[in-house]
Amino acid sequence: MKSEHRILRGPCLTEKANIQLEVDNKVVFKVDSTANKIDIKKAVEKMFDVKVKHVHTANMHGKQKRVGKSTGFTNDWKKAYVTLSEGNISFVDEL
């Protein structure tokens, strides 16, 4: 198993993720594309000392970008929706 810091790349801080955190107690993470649900669950429980109920994953495809005449794509990435049964995780944005 990879270390927890390599599995969890960071939180996904969007409006939709914030609403899901408040309503359904779900936290959204950007994760390693090779990580499976069991690895993600163990990493979240170990790093944040919470109890995980469910883990759902989604593969996000890179968007097409254009700079001048040349076009390309951003990298594909994986997103994990983690439902917490006990505990709470909060991410504070400091400006």
PDB file of N, CA and C in Angstrom:
ATOM      1  N   MET A   1       0.841  -1.182   0.000  1.00  0.00           N
ATOM      2  CA  MET A   1       0.000   0.000   0.000  1.00  0.00           C
ATOM      3  C   MET A   1       0.887   1.246   0.000  1.00  0.00           C
ATOM      4  N   LYS A   2       0.481   2.252  -0.721  1.00  0.00           N
ATOM      5  CA  LYS A   2       1.195   3.520  -0.754  1.00  0.00           C
ATOM      6  C   LYS A   2       0.948   4.272   0.544  1.00  0.00           C
ATOM      7  N   SER A   3       1.769   5.275   0.800  1.00  0.00           N
ATOM      8  CA  SER A   3       1.555   6.087   1.996  1.00  0.00           C
ATOM      9  C   SER A   3       0.305   6.949   1.809  1.00  0.00           C
ATOM     10  N   GLU A   4      -0.236   7.402   2.926  1.00  0.00           N
ATOM     11  CA  GLU A   4      -1.479   8.176   2.895  1.00  0.00           C
ATOM     12  C   GLU A   4      -1.313   9.485   2.133  1.00  0.00           C
ATOM     13  N   HIS A   5      -0.120  10.073   2.219  1.00  0.00           N
ATOM     14  CA  HIS A   5       0.106  11.347   1.553  1.00  0.00           C
ATOM     15  C   HIS A   5       0.190  11.203   0.039  1.00  0.00           C
ATOM     16  N   ARG A   6       0.518  10.012  -0.444  1.00  0.00           N
ATOM     17  CA  ARG A   6       0.558   9.789  -1.891  1.00  0.00           C
ATOM     18  C   ARG A   6      -0.827   9.435  -2.419  1.00  0.00           C
ATOM     19  N   ILE A   7      -1.672   8.838  -1.594  1.00  0.00           N
ATOM     20  CA  ILE A   7      -3.023   8.468  -2.028  1.00  0.00           C
ATOM     21  C   ILE A   7      -3.921   9.704  -2.090  1.00  0.00           C
ATOM     22  N   LEU A   8      -3.948  10.491  -1.022  1.00  0.00           N
ATOM     23  CA  LEU A   8      -4.783  11.689  -0.975  1.00  0.00           C
ATOM     24  C   LEU A   8      -3.976  12.874  -1.485  1.00  0.00           C
ATOM     25  N   ARG A   9      -4.346  13.387  -2.647  1.00  0.00           N
ATOM     26  CA  ARG A   9      -3.621  14.506  -3.249  1.00  0.00           C
ATOM     27  C   ARG A   9      -4.043  15.831  -2.623  1.00  0.00           C
ATOM     28  N   GLY A  10      -5.291  15.933  -2.212  1.00  0.00           N
ATOM     29  CA  GLY A  10      -5.777  17.166  -1.602  1.00  0.00           C
ATOM     30  C   GLY A  10      -7.283  17.218  -1.650  1.00  0.00           C
ATOM     31  N   PRO A  11      -7.867  18.172  -0.929  1.00  0.00           N
ATOM     32  CA  PRO A  11      -9.325  18.300  -0.949  1.00  0.00           C
ATOM     33  C   PRO A  11      -9.784  18.976  -2.231  1.00  0.00           C
ATOM     34  N   CYS A  12     -10.996  18.693  -2.617  1.00  0.00           N
ATOM     35  CA  CYS A  12     -11.618  19.333  -3.764  1.00  0.00           C
ATOM     36  C   CYS A  12     -12.572  20.387  -3.196  1.00  0.00           C
ATOM     37  N   LEU A  13     -12.150  21.638  -3.207  1.00  0.00           N
ATOM     38  CA  LEU A  13     -12.906  22.713  -2.575  1.00  0.00           C
ATOM     39  C   LEU A  13     -13.756  23.444  -3.606  1.00  0.00           C
ATOM     40  N   THR A  14     -14.967  22.946  -3.796  1.00  0.00           N
ATOM     41  CA  THR A  14     -15.915  23.554  -4.718  1.00  0.00           C
ATOM     42  C   THR A  14     -17.223  23.823  -3.972  1.00  0.00           C
ATOM     43  N   GLU A  15     -18.125  24.550  -4.601  1.00  0.00           N
ATOM     44  CA  GLU A  15     -19.417  24.817  -3.978  1.00  0.00           C
ATOM     45  C   GLU A  15     -20.197  23.531  -3.754  1.00  0.00           C
ATOM     46  N   LYS A  16     -20.180  22.649  -4.749  1.00  0.00           N
ATOM     47  CA  LYS A  16     -20.898  21.386  -4.633  1.00  0.00           C
ATOM     48  C   LYS A  16     -20.337  20.540  -3.485  1.00  0.00           C
ATOM     49  N   ALA A  17     -19.009  20.519  -3.338  1.00  0.00           N
ATOM     50  CA  ALA A  17     -18.388  19.745  -2.264  1.00  0.00           C
ATOM     51  C   ALA A  17     -18.738  20.323  -0.902  1.00  0.00           C
ATOM     52  N   ASN A  18     -18.791  21.646  -0.790  1.00  0.00           N
ATOM     53  CA  ASN A  18     -19.153  22.279   0.477  1.00  0.00           C
ATOM     54  C   ASN A  18     -20.595  21.990   0.859  1.00  0.00           C
ATOM     55  N   ILE A  19     -21.492  21.971  -0.119  1.00  0.00           N
ATOM     56  CA  ILE A  19     -22.898  21.653   0.158  1.00  0.00           C
ATOM     57  C   ILE A  19     -23.027  20.209   0.606  1.00  0.00           C
ATOM     58  N   GLN A  20     -22.311  19.290  -0.056  1.00  0.00           N
ATOM     59  CA  GLN A  20     -22.381  17.888   0.330  1.00  0.00           C
ATOM     60  C   GLN A  20     -21.801  17.654   1.718  1.00  0.00           C
ATOM     61  N   LEU A  21     -20.802  18.433   2.103  1.00  0.00           N
ATOM     62  CA  LEU A  21     -20.231  18.311   3.441  1.00  0.00           C
ATOM     63  C   LEU A  21     -21.243  18.726   4.496  1.00  0.00           C
ATOM     64  N   GLU A  22     -21.971  19.804   4.241  1.00  0.00           N
ATOM     65  CA  GLU A  22     -22.951  20.290   5.204  1.00  0.00           C
ATOM     66  C   GLU A  22     -24.182  19.397   5.277  1.00  0.00           C
ATOM     67  N   VAL A  23     -24.674  18.942   4.129  1.00  0.00           N
ATOM     68  CA  VAL A  23     -25.940  18.210   4.093  1.00  0.00           C
ATOM     69  C   VAL A  23     -25.752  16.720   4.378  1.00  0.00           C
ATOM     70  N   ASP A  24     -24.840  16.061   3.647  1.00  0.00           N
ATOM     71  CA  ASP A  24     -24.719  14.609   3.716  1.00  0.00           C
ATOM     72  C   ASP A  24     -23.482  14.108   4.456  1.00  0.00           C
ATOM     73  N   ASN A  25     -22.673  15.015   5.011  1.00  0.00           N
ATOM     74  CA  ASN A  25     -21.432  14.658   5.694  1.00  0.00           C
ATOM     75  C   ASN A  25     -20.479  13.911   4.755  1.00  0.00           C
ATOM     76  N   LYS A  26     -20.379  14.403   3.500  1.00  0.00           N
ATOM     77  CA  LYS A  26     -19.471  13.838   2.497  1.00  0.00           C
ATOM     78  C   LYS A  26     -18.323  14.800   2.265  1.00  0.00           C
ATOM     79  N   VAL A  27     -17.119  14.238   2.144  1.00  0.00           N
ATOM     80  CA  VAL A  27     -15.924  15.026   1.865  1.00  0.00           C
ATOM     81  C   VAL A  27     -15.388  14.564   0.516  1.00  0.00           C
ATOM     82  N   VAL A  28     -14.941  15.512  -0.317  1.00  0.00           N
ATOM     83  CA  VAL A  28     -14.459  15.191  -1.656  1.00  0.00           C
ATOM     84  C   VAL A  28     -12.949  15.418  -1.697  1.00  0.00           C
ATOM     85  N   PHE A  29     -12.213  14.402  -2.184  1.00  0.00           N
ATOM     86  CA  PHE A  29     -10.761  14.469  -2.289  1.00  0.00           C
ATOM     87  C   PHE A  29     -10.320  14.212  -3.716  1.00  0.00           C
ATOM     88  N   LYS A  30      -9.214  14.835  -4.112  1.00  0.00           N
ATOM     89  CA  LYS A  30      -8.494  14.433  -5.314  1.00  0.00           C
ATOM     90  C   LYS A  30      -7.539  13.341  -4.869  1.00  0.00           C
ATOM     91  N   VAL A  31      -7.581  12.183  -5.542  1.00  0.00           N
ATOM     92  CA  VAL A  31      -6.781  11.038  -5.109  1.00  0.00           C
ATOM     93  C   VAL A  31      -5.910  10.536  -6.249  1.00  0.00           C
ATOM     94  N   ASP A  32      -4.980   9.649  -5.908  1.00  0.00           N
ATOM     95  CA  ASP A  32      -4.118   9.021  -6.893  1.00  0.00           C
ATOM     96  C   ASP A  32      -4.965   8.162  -7.824  1.00  0.00           C
ATOM     97  N   SER A  33      -4.657   8.181  -9.097  1.00  0.00           N
ATOM     98  CA  SER A  33      -5.491   7.475 -10.079  1.00  0.00           C
ATOM     99  C   SER A  33      -5.386   5.961  -9.954  1.00  0.00           C
ATOM    100  N   THR A  34      -4.364   5.446  -9.278  1.00  0.00           N
ATOM    101  CA  THR A  34      -4.230   3.989  -9.116  1.00  0.00           C
ATOM    102  C   THR A  34      -4.791   3.496  -7.786  1.00  0.00           C
ATOM    103  N   ALA A  35      -5.254   4.395  -6.928  1.00  0.00           N
ATOM    104  CA  ALA A  35      -5.772   4.016  -5.614  1.00  0.00           C
ATOM    105  C   ALA A  35      -7.165   3.417  -5.751  1.00  0.00           C
ATOM    106  N   ASN A  36      -7.444   2.399  -4.926  1.00  0.00           N
ATOM    107  CA  ASN A  36      -8.786   1.814  -4.922  1.00  0.00           C
ATOM    108  C   ASN A  36      -9.545   2.301  -3.685  1.00  0.00           C
ATOM    109  N   LYS A  37     -10.799   1.882  -3.551  1.00  0.00           N
ATOM    110  CA  LYS A  37     -11.655   2.381  -2.482  1.00  0.00           C
ATOM    111  C   LYS A  37     -11.148   1.980  -1.100  1.00  0.00           C
ATOM    112  N   ILE A  38     -10.590   0.798  -0.978  1.00  0.00           N
ATOM    113  CA  ILE A  38     -10.084   0.329   0.311  1.00  0.00           C
ATOM    114  C   ILE A  38      -8.883   1.165   0.747  1.00  0.00           C
ATOM    115  N   ASP A  39      -7.968   1.443  -0.188  1.00  0.00           N
ATOM    116  CA  ASP A  39      -6.811   2.284   0.130  1.00  0.00           C
ATOM    117  C   ASP A  39      -7.241   3.683   0.547  1.00  0.00           C
ATOM    118  N   ILE A  40      -8.221   4.244  -0.153  1.00  0.00           N
ATOM    119  CA  ILE A  40      -8.702   5.591   0.156  1.00  0.00           C
ATOM    120  C   ILE A  40      -9.338   5.615   1.545  1.00  0.00           C
ATOM    121  N   LYS A  41     -10.131   4.608   1.862  1.00  0.00           N
ATOM    122  CA  LYS A  41     -10.787   4.534   3.170  1.00  0.00           C
ATOM    123  C   LYS A  41      -9.761   4.467   4.292  1.00  0.00           C
ATOM    124  N   LYS A  42      -8.757   3.615   4.144  1.00  0.00           N
ATOM    125  CA  LYS A  42      -7.724   3.489   5.174  1.00  0.00           C
ATOM    126  C   LYS A  42      -6.923   4.768   5.331  1.00  0.00           C
ATOM    127  N   ALA A  43      -6.626   5.443   4.218  1.00  0.00           N
ATOM    128  CA  ALA A  43      -5.850   6.676   4.272  1.00  0.00           C
ATOM    129  C   ALA A  43      -6.617   7.788   4.983  1.00  0.00           C
ATOM    130  N   VAL A  44      -7.906   7.934   4.686  1.00  0.00           N
ATOM    131  CA  VAL A  44      -8.710   8.982   5.324  1.00  0.00           C
ATOM    132  C   VAL A  44      -8.857   8.705   6.813  1.00  0.00           C
ATOM    133  N   GLU A  45      -9.120   7.442   7.180  1.00  0.00           N
ATOM    134  CA  GLU A  45      -9.282   7.105   8.589  1.00  0.00           C
ATOM    135  C   GLU A  45      -7.989   7.338   9.367  1.00  0.00           C
ATOM    136  N   LYS A  46      -6.859   7.041   8.767  1.00  0.00           N
ATOM    137  CA  LYS A  46      -5.588   7.207   9.466  1.00  0.00           C
ATOM    138  C   LYS A  46      -5.169   8.681   9.560  1.00  0.00           C
ATOM    139  N   MET A  47      -5.345   9.440   8.482  1.00  0.00           N
ATOM    140  CA  MET A  47      -4.890  10.833   8.481  1.00  0.00           C
ATOM    141  C   MET A  47      -5.767  11.757   9.322  1.00  0.00           C
ATOM    142  N   PHE A  48      -7.080  11.569   9.284  1.00  0.00           N
ATOM    143  CA  PHE A  48      -7.987  12.512   9.927  1.00  0.00           C
ATOM    144  C   PHE A  48      -8.659  11.968  11.174  1.00  0.00           C
ATOM    145  N   ASP A  49      -8.400  10.710  11.542  1.00  0.00           N
ATOM    146  CA  ASP A  49      -8.955  10.087  12.741  1.00  0.00           C
ATOM    147  C   ASP A  49     -10.481  10.182  12.766  1.00  0.00           C
ATOM    148  N   VAL A  50     -11.101   9.727  11.673  1.00  0.00           N
ATOM    149  CA  VAL A  50     -12.560   9.690  11.551  1.00  0.00           C
ATOM    150  C   VAL A  50     -12.969   8.282  11.125  1.00  0.00           C
ATOM    151  N   LYS A  51     -14.263   8.004  11.168  1.00  0.00           N
ATOM    152  CA  LYS A  51     -14.798   6.723  10.737  1.00  0.00           C
ATOM    153  C   LYS A  51     -15.482   6.913   9.386  1.00  0.00           C
ATOM    154  N   VAL A  52     -15.088   6.120   8.387  1.00  0.00           N
ATOM    155  CA  VAL A  52     -15.616   6.241   7.028  1.00  0.00           C
ATOM    156  C   VAL A  52     -16.727   5.214   6.825  1.00  0.00           C
ATOM    157  N   LYS A  53     -17.834   5.665   6.252  1.00  0.00           N
ATOM    158  CA  LYS A  53     -18.982   4.796   5.977  1.00  0.00           C
ATOM    159  C   LYS A  53     -18.919   4.250   4.546  1.00  0.00           C
ATOM    160  N   HIS A  54     -18.774   5.124   3.546  1.00  0.00           N
ATOM    161  CA  HIS A  54     -18.733   4.734   2.141  1.00  0.00           C
ATOM    162  C   HIS A  54     -17.657   5.527   1.414  1.00  0.00           C
ATOM    163  N   VAL A  55     -17.176   4.949   0.313  1.00  0.00           N
ATOM    164  CA  VAL A  55     -16.279   5.654  -0.592  1.00  0.00           C
ATOM    165  C   VAL A  55     -16.774   5.423  -2.016  1.00  0.00           C
ATOM    166  N   HIS A  56     -17.009   6.494  -2.746  1.00  0.00           N
ATOM    167  CA  HIS A  56     -17.390   6.425  -4.150  1.00  0.00           C
ATOM    168  C   HIS A  56     -16.315   7.168  -4.941  1.00  0.00           C
ATOM    169  N   THR A  57     -15.927   6.612  -6.080  1.00  0.00           N
ATOM    170  CA  THR A  57     -14.883   7.240  -6.884  1.00  0.00           C
ATOM    171  C   THR A  57     -15.407   7.594  -8.265  1.00  0.00           C
ATOM    172  N   ALA A  58     -14.748   8.584  -8.873  1.00  0.00           N
ATOM    173  CA  ALA A  58     -15.097   9.008 -10.231  1.00  0.00           C
ATOM    174  C   ALA A  58     -13.813   9.403 -10.944  1.00  0.00           C
ATOM    175  N   ASN A  59     -13.653   8.932 -12.178  1.00  0.00           N
ATOM    176  CA  ASN A  59     -12.513   9.317 -13.001  1.00  0.00           C
ATOM    177  C   ASN A  59     -12.892  10.555 -13.802  1.00  0.00           C
ATOM    178  N   MET A  60     -12.136  11.608 -13.636  1.00  0.00           N
ATOM    179  CA  MET A  60     -12.399  12.867 -14.310  1.00  0.00           C
ATOM    180  C   MET A  60     -11.463  12.988 -15.504  1.00  0.00           C
ATOM    181  N   HIS A  61     -12.009  13.282 -16.652  1.00  0.00           N
ATOM    182  CA  HIS A  61     -11.220  13.414 -17.868  1.00  0.00           C
ATOM    183  C   HIS A  61     -10.692  14.838 -18.000  1.00  0.00           C
ATOM    184  N   GLY A  62      -9.486  14.953 -18.544  1.00  0.00           N
ATOM    185  CA  GLY A  62      -8.870  16.259 -18.713  1.00  0.00           C
ATOM    186  C   GLY A  62      -9.608  17.099 -19.742  1.00  0.00           C
ATOM    187  N   LYS A  63      -9.588  18.397 -19.536  1.00  0.00           N
ATOM    188  CA  LYS A  63     -10.266  19.309 -20.452  1.00  0.00           C
ATOM    189  C   LYS A  63      -9.327  19.730 -21.572  1.00  0.00           C
ATOM    190  N   GLN A  64      -9.912  20.086 -22.691  1.00  0.00           N
ATOM    191  CA  GLN A  64      -9.120  20.569 -23.816  1.00  0.00           C
ATOM    192  C   GLN A  64      -8.772  22.034 -23.585  1.00  0.00           C
ATOM    193  N   LYS A  65      -7.497  22.354 -23.716  1.00  0.00           N
ATOM    194  CA  LYS A  65      -7.012  23.723 -23.540  1.00  0.00           C
ATOM    195  C   LYS A  65      -6.294  24.167 -24.806  1.00  0.00           C
ATOM    196  N   ARG A  66      -6.284  25.470 -25.021  1.00  0.00           N
ATOM    197  CA  ARG A  66      -5.646  26.003 -26.219  1.00  0.00           C
ATOM    198  C   ARG A  66      -4.787  27.194 -25.848  1.00  0.00           C
ATOM    199  N   VAL A  67      -3.544  27.212 -26.347  1.00  0.00           N
ATOM    200  CA  VAL A  67      -2.635  28.336 -26.167  1.00  0.00           C
ATOM    201  C   VAL A  67      -2.139  28.706 -27.557  1.00  0.00           C
ATOM    202  N   GLY A  68      -2.622  29.822 -28.082  1.00  0.00           N
ATOM    203  CA  GLY A  68      -2.262  30.215 -29.442  1.00  0.00           C
ATOM    204  C   GLY A  68      -2.819  29.226 -30.443  1.00  0.00           C
ATOM    205  N   LYS A  69      -1.955  28.727 -31.320  1.00  0.00           N
ATOM    206  CA  LYS A  69      -2.390  27.757 -32.322  1.00  0.00           C
ATOM    207  C   LYS A  69      -2.405  26.331 -31.796  1.00  0.00           C
ATOM    208  N   SER A  70      -1.619  26.054 -30.782  1.00  0.00           N
ATOM    209  CA  SER A  70      -1.507  24.671 -30.298  1.00  0.00           C
ATOM    210  C   SER A  70      -2.606  24.347 -29.288  1.00  0.00           C
ATOM    211  N   THR A  71      -3.098  23.120 -29.369  1.00  0.00           N
ATOM    212  CA  THR A  71      -4.115  22.641 -28.446  1.00  0.00           C
ATOM    213  C   THR A  71      -3.571  21.431 -27.709  1.00  0.00           C
ATOM    214  N   GLY A  72      -4.124  21.187 -26.552  1.00  0.00           N
ATOM    215  CA  GLY A  72      -3.724  20.043 -25.754  1.00  0.00           C
ATOM    216  C   GLY A  72      -4.781  19.758 -24.710  1.00  0.00           C
ATOM    217  N   PHE A  73      -4.491  18.806 -23.842  1.00  0.00           N
ATOM    218  CA  PHE A  73      -5.426  18.407 -22.805  1.00  0.00           C
ATOM    219  C   PHE A  73      -4.744  18.507 -21.446  1.00  0.00           C
ATOM    220  N   THR A  74      -5.528  18.834 -20.405  1.00  0.00           N
ATOM    221  CA  THR A  74      -5.015  18.753 -19.050  1.00  0.00           C
ATOM    222  C   THR A  74      -5.020  17.285 -18.639  1.00  0.00           C
ATOM    223  N   ASN A  75      -4.355  16.967 -17.553  1.00  0.00           N
ATOM    224  CA  ASN A  75      -4.236  15.584 -17.112  1.00  0.00           C
ATOM    225  C   ASN A  75      -5.564  15.044 -16.597  1.00  0.00           C
ATOM    226  N   ASP A  76      -5.801  13.737 -16.785  1.00  0.00           N
ATOM    227  CA  ASP A  76      -6.929  13.058 -16.177  1.00  0.00           C
ATOM    228  C   ASP A  76      -6.638  12.897 -14.688  1.00  0.00           C
ATOM    229  N   TRP A  77      -7.697  12.877 -13.859  1.00  0.00           N
ATOM    230  CA  TRP A  77      -7.513  12.714 -12.430  1.00  0.00           C
ATOM    231  C   TRP A  77      -8.695  11.969 -11.842  1.00  0.00           C
ATOM    232  N   LYS A  78      -8.552  11.539 -10.599  1.00  0.00           N
ATOM    233  CA  LYS A  78      -9.571  10.741  -9.932  1.00  0.00           C
ATOM    234  C   LYS A  78     -10.085  11.494  -8.713  1.00  0.00           C
ATOM    235  N   LYS A  79     -11.387  11.401  -8.500  1.00  0.00           N
ATOM    236  CA  LYS A  79     -12.060  12.080  -7.400  1.00  0.00           C
ATOM    237  C   LYS A  79     -12.713  11.036  -6.511  1.00  0.00           C
ATOM    238  N   ALA A  80     -12.657  11.236  -5.200  1.00  0.00           N
ATOM    239  CA  ALA A  80     -13.281  10.306  -4.261  1.00  0.00           C
ATOM    240  C   ALA A  80     -14.274  11.062  -3.378  1.00  0.00           C
ATOM    241  N   TYR A  81     -15.506  10.546  -3.324  1.00  0.00           N
ATOM    242  CA  TYR A  81     -16.532  11.062  -2.432  1.00  0.00           C
ATOM    243  C   TYR A  81     -16.542  10.161  -1.197  1.00  0.00           C
ATOM    244  N   VAL A  82     -16.151  10.695  -0.054  1.00  0.00           N
ATOM    245  CA  VAL A  82     -16.029   9.915   1.179  1.00  0.00           C
ATOM    246  C   VAL A  82     -17.148  10.314   2.120  1.00  0.00           C
ATOM    247  N   THR A  83     -18.022   9.359   2.469  1.00  0.00           N
ATOM    248  CA  THR A  83     -19.106   9.595   3.415  1.00  0.00           C
ATOM    249  C   THR A  83     -18.615   9.213   4.801  1.00  0.00           C
ATOM    250  N   LEU A  84     -18.724  10.153   5.740  1.00  0.00           N
ATOM    251  CA  LEU A  84     -18.252   9.922   7.099  1.00  0.00           C
ATOM    252  C   LEU A  84     -19.405   9.470   7.980  1.00  0.00           C
ATOM    253  N   SER A  85     -19.154   8.462   8.840  1.00  0.00           N
ATOM    254  CA  SER A  85     -20.184   8.032   9.775  1.00  0.00           C
ATOM    255  C   SER A  85     -19.966   8.662  11.133  1.00  0.00           C
ATOM    256  N   GLU A  86     -18.698   8.813  11.532  1.00  0.00           N
ATOM    257  CA  GLU A  86     -18.385   9.465  12.801  1.00  0.00           C
ATOM    258  C   GLU A  86     -17.282  10.479  12.569  1.00  0.00           C
ATOM    259  N   GLY A  87     -17.363  11.590  13.263  1.00  0.00           N
ATOM    260  CA  GLY A  87     -16.338  12.613  13.137  1.00  0.00           C
ATOM    261  C   GLY A  87     -16.676  13.606  12.040  1.00  0.00           C
ATOM    262  N   ASN A  88     -15.790  14.604  11.911  1.00  0.00           N
ATOM    263  CA  ASN A  88     -16.013  15.652  10.928  1.00  0.00           C
ATOM    264  C   ASN A  88     -14.657  16.172  10.465  1.00  0.00           C
ATOM    265  N   ILE A  89     -14.561  16.521   9.198  1.00  0.00           N
ATOM    266  CA  ILE A  89     -13.358  17.102   8.631  1.00  0.00           C
ATOM    267  C   ILE A  89     -13.742  18.477   8.100  1.00  0.00           C
ATOM    268  N   SER A  90     -12.984  19.499   8.468  1.00  0.00           N
ATOM    269  CA  SER A  90     -13.248  20.828   7.936  1.00  0.00           C
ATOM    270  C   SER A  90     -11.965  21.382   7.341  1.00  0.00           C
ATOM    271  N   PHE A  91     -12.092  21.999   6.189  1.00  0.00           N
ATOM    272  CA  PHE A  91     -10.974  22.629   5.514  1.00  0.00           C
ATOM    273  C   PHE A  91     -11.211  24.128   5.532  1.00  0.00           C
ATOM    274  N   VAL A  92     -10.300  24.852   6.117  1.00  0.00           N
ATOM    275  CA  VAL A  92     -10.452  26.299   6.272  1.00  0.00           C
ATOM    276  C   VAL A  92      -9.559  26.979   5.256  1.00  0.00           C
ATOM    277  N   ASP A  93     -10.149  27.882   4.472  1.00  0.00           N
ATOM    278  CA  ASP A  93      -9.395  28.674   3.503  1.00  0.00           C
ATOM    279  C   ASP A  93      -8.982  29.974   4.181  1.00  0.00           C
ATOM    280  N   GLU A  94      -7.701  30.185   4.269  1.00  0.00           N
ATOM    281  CA  GLU A  94      -7.214  31.437   4.833  1.00  0.00           C
ATOM    282  C   GLU A  94      -6.626  32.272   3.712  1.00  0.00           C
ATOM    283  N   LEU A  95      -7.072  33.493   3.613  1.00  0.00           N
ATOM    284  CA  LEU A  95      -6.604  34.391   2.565  1.00  0.00           C
ATOM    285  C   LEU A  95      -5.492  35.273   3.065  1.00  0.00           C
TER     286      LEU A  95
END
